[in-house]
Protein backbone atom coordinates (compact mmCIF):
# COMPACT_ATOMS: atom_id res chain seq x y z
CA GLU A 1 -39.47 21.79 -10.45
CA SER A 2 -37.11 23.80 -8.03
CA PHE A 3 -38.66 25.03 -4.49
CA CYS A 4 -37.89 25.77 -1.36
CA ILE A 5 -38.55 25.12 1.92
CA GLY A 6 -37.91 27.36 5.36
CA LEU A 7 -37.85 25.12 8.52
CA PHE A 8 -37.44 26.98 12.11
CA GLY A 9 -37.75 26.32 15.41
CA SER A 10 -36.51 26.30 18.79
CA SER A 11 -33.04 25.54 19.72
CA GLY A 12 -33.05 21.60 20.62
CA ALA A 13 -36.24 21.07 18.07
CA GLY A 14 -35.02 19.04 16.31
CA LYS A 15 -33.44 21.13 13.31
CA THR A 16 -30.62 19.78 12.53
CA LEU A 17 -31.16 16.21 13.34
CA PHE A 18 -34.13 16.44 11.03
CA LEU A 19 -31.78 17.57 8.23
CA ARG A 20 -29.22 14.48 8.88
CA ALA A 21 -31.55 12.26 9.14
CA LEU A 22 -32.80 13.02 5.18
CA ALA A 23 -29.40 12.82 4.54
CA ASP A 24 -29.27 9.60 5.63
CA LEU A 25 -26.53 10.36 8.28
CA ASP A 26 -28.99 9.27 11.08
CA PRO A 27 -30.76 6.61 12.08
CA HIS A 28 -34.35 6.88 12.00
CA GLY A 29 -37.78 5.24 11.54
CA GLY A 30 -39.09 7.50 8.77
CA SER A 31 -39.11 6.88 4.70
CA VAL A 32 -37.64 9.02 2.86
CA SER A 33 -38.05 8.99 -1.07
CA LEU A 34 -36.52 11.68 -4.45
CA ASP A 35 -37.72 11.42 -7.64
CA GLU A 36 -39.97 8.49 -6.29
CA LYS A 37 -37.57 6.14 -5.31
CA PRO A 38 -37.01 4.93 -1.99
CA ALA A 39 -33.63 6.02 -0.05
CA ASN A 40 -32.89 2.66 0.61
CA ASP A 41 -32.92 1.91 -3.01
CA TYR A 42 -29.86 4.12 -3.28
CA LYS A 43 -26.66 3.45 -2.54
CA PRO A 44 -25.19 5.41 0.22
CA HIS A 45 -22.89 7.14 -1.56
CA ASP A 46 -25.20 8.17 -4.47
CA TRP A 47 -27.96 9.49 -2.33
CA ARG A 48 -25.46 11.70 -0.14
CA LYS A 49 -24.46 13.06 -3.58
CA LYS A 50 -27.55 13.52 -4.64
CA VAL A 51 -28.83 14.82 -1.24
CA GLY A 52 -26.16 17.62 -0.06
CA LEU A 53 -25.81 18.35 3.12
CA LEU A 54 -24.23 21.87 4.71
CA PRO A 55 -23.66 21.51 8.40
CA SER A 56 -23.98 24.90 10.84
CA GLU A 57 -20.03 23.98 10.50
CA SER A 58 -18.02 22.37 7.77
CA GLN A 59 -15.97 19.82 8.49
CA TRP A 60 -12.11 20.13 6.85
CA TRP A 61 -9.66 16.74 6.80
CA PHE A 62 -6.86 18.15 4.11
CA ASP A 63 -4.43 20.83 4.80
CA THR A 64 -4.87 23.03 2.24
CA VAL A 65 -8.93 24.35 0.71
CA GLY A 66 -8.03 23.31 -2.53
CA GLU A 67 -7.39 20.34 -1.56
CA HIS A 68 -11.25 19.81 -0.71
CA PHE A 69 -12.21 20.97 -4.15
CA HIS A 70 -12.53 19.22 -7.33
CA ASP A 71 -14.13 21.95 -9.26
CA CYS A 72 -15.32 25.28 -8.16
CA ASP A 73 -17.53 28.37 -9.48
CA GLY A 74 -14.63 31.06 -10.31
CA ASP A 75 -17.92 33.93 -10.41
CA ALA A 76 -19.40 32.44 -6.92
CA LEU A 77 -15.84 32.77 -5.16
CA GLY A 78 -15.27 35.49 -5.83
CA ARG A 79 -19.15 36.85 -4.71
CA LEU A 80 -18.18 35.71 -1.64
CA GLY A 81 -14.85 37.55 -0.98
CA PHE A 82 -12.44 35.33 -2.44
CA ASP A 83 -9.80 34.92 -5.77
CA ASN A 84 -7.87 31.58 -6.46
CA ASP A 85 -5.37 31.92 -4.33
CA VAL A 86 -7.70 30.76 -1.53
CA MET A 87 -7.14 27.12 -3.41
CA ARG A 88 -3.34 27.64 -1.43
CA TRP A 89 -4.64 28.62 1.97
CA GLN A 90 -3.55 26.64 4.77
CA VAL A 91 -7.45 25.43 6.53
CA SER A 92 -6.24 26.07 10.38
CA ARG A 93 -5.89 30.22 8.58
CA LEU A 94 -10.31 30.23 7.76
CA SER A 95 -11.98 31.89 10.45
CA SER A 96 -15.89 30.30 10.70
CA GLY A 97 -17.32 32.42 8.37
CA GLU A 98 -14.89 31.90 5.93
CA LYS A 99 -15.21 27.95 6.23
CA GLN A 100 -18.78 28.49 6.02
CA ARG A 101 -18.74 30.31 2.93
CA LEU A 102 -16.76 27.81 1.19
CA GLY A 103 -18.45 24.88 2.42
CA LEU A 104 -21.08 26.41 0.60
CA LEU A 105 -19.28 26.28 -2.95
CA ARG A 106 -17.68 22.63 -2.13
CA LEU A 107 -21.29 21.30 -1.77
CA LEU A 108 -22.02 22.81 -4.66
CA ALA A 109 -19.34 21.68 -6.67
CA ASN A 110 -20.63 18.17 -6.43
CA LEU A 111 -24.11 19.54 -8.05
CA PRO A 112 -26.74 17.79 -5.54
CA ASP A 113 -30.41 17.84 -6.34
CA VAL A 114 -31.31 18.68 -2.70
CA LEU A 115 -29.49 20.96 -0.72
CA LEU A 116 -30.14 20.71 2.95
CA LEU A 117 -29.09 24.12 4.61
CA ASP A 118 -28.56 24.12 8.24
CA GLU A 119 -27.83 27.96 9.09
CA PRO A 120 -25.87 28.76 5.78
CA THR A 121 -25.44 32.48 7.01
CA ALA A 122 -25.25 32.05 11.02
CA ASN A 123 -21.36 33.21 11.12
CA LEU A 124 -21.64 35.23 7.52
CA ASP A 125 -21.34 39.54 7.43
CA PRO A 126 -23.78 40.94 6.36
CA ARG A 127 -22.53 41.50 3.13
CA PHE A 128 -22.06 38.25 2.23
CA VAL A 129 -25.40 37.12 3.79
CA GLY A 130 -27.22 38.36 0.35
CA GLU A 131 -25.08 36.45 -1.98
CA VAL A 132 -25.15 33.81 -0.42
CA GLU A 133 -29.27 34.06 -1.07
CA ALA A 134 -28.40 34.83 -4.34
CA ILE A 135 -25.91 32.04 -5.27
CA LEU A 136 -28.11 29.64 -4.03
CA ASP A 137 -31.60 31.35 -5.88
CA ARG A 138 -29.53 30.67 -8.87
CA TYR A 139 -28.15 27.12 -8.24
CA LYS A 140 -31.90 25.93 -7.57
CA LYS A 141 -33.33 27.45 -10.90
CA GLN A 142 -30.51 26.88 -12.99
CA ARG A 143 -29.83 23.25 -11.40
CA PRO A 144 -33.56 22.65 -11.14
CA ALA A 145 -32.97 22.00 -7.09
CA SER A 146 -35.32 21.81 -4.06
CA LEU A 147 -33.58 23.50 -0.66
CA ILE A 148 -34.56 23.22 2.57
CA TRP A 149 -33.22 26.14 4.65
CA VAL A 150 -33.04 26.12 8.28
CA SER A 151 -32.51 29.60 9.75
CA HIS A 152 -33.04 31.42 13.04
CA ASP A 153 -34.07 34.19 10.84
CA ARG A 154 -37.88 34.50 10.31
CA GLY A 155 -37.52 37.23 7.95
CA GLN A 156 -34.42 35.44 5.64
CA LEU A 157 -37.35 32.70 5.40
CA GLU A 158 -39.77 34.82 4.08
CA ARG A 159 -37.33 36.20 1.52
CA VAL A 160 -35.61 32.81 0.70
CA ALA A 161 -38.47 30.12 1.13
CA ASP A 162 -42.01 29.36 -0.93
CA ARG A 163 -42.84 27.31 2.06
CA ILE A 164 -42.00 27.44 5.96
CA PHE A 165 -42.22 25.49 8.28
CA GLU A 166 -41.77 25.12 12.42
CA ILE A 167 -40.62 22.02 14.04
CA ARG A 168 -42.48 22.55 17.74
CA ASP A 169 -42.70 19.93 20.37
CA GLN A 170 -41.69 17.26 17.45
CA TYR A 171 -43.93 17.99 15.35
CA LEU A 172 -43.43 19.75 11.64
CA MET A 173 -46.32 22.74 11.19
CA GLU A 174 -46.50 25.02 7.97
CA VAL A 175 -46.86 28.76 9.26
CA ASN A 176 -48.30 31.70 7.95
CA ARG A 177 -46.37 34.00 5.85
CA GLY A 178 -45.62 37.32 7.08
């Protein structure tokens, strides 16, 4: 069953640390399971393939965009304003919004079961915000996959999330919708 959890909180509340702990990128004192199997029972590489993190600023380590992809959904590529020529582009020419859209497609190409999304639309023009929301909704339903979506936009979380939580004073609290 797929679902989306929305998460918000003030700057510095710990939203990114929470996502990084779930992705097993930072040390933490809690325990996490996927399909009733503890994260510690997975090899780190296997866990990170199943639980994919989209950071607020994606990292790019090769010179061209195409070197970062083993596969890409051509329909989603077009919906996010690109054609296949983007695979030949130098990463250095990408804007922050282009990096963010391509970072999302790179993550989806790995087919994770859980998506940890740290402000996935923060740097996007309004016309692409709806496209990203639709692409993620379609992915969630087709896989099925679960999402934890961090956003400062409470209206966005009302649109995309099944349940909404706030991190406040180091506590995670569910909030009433609308």
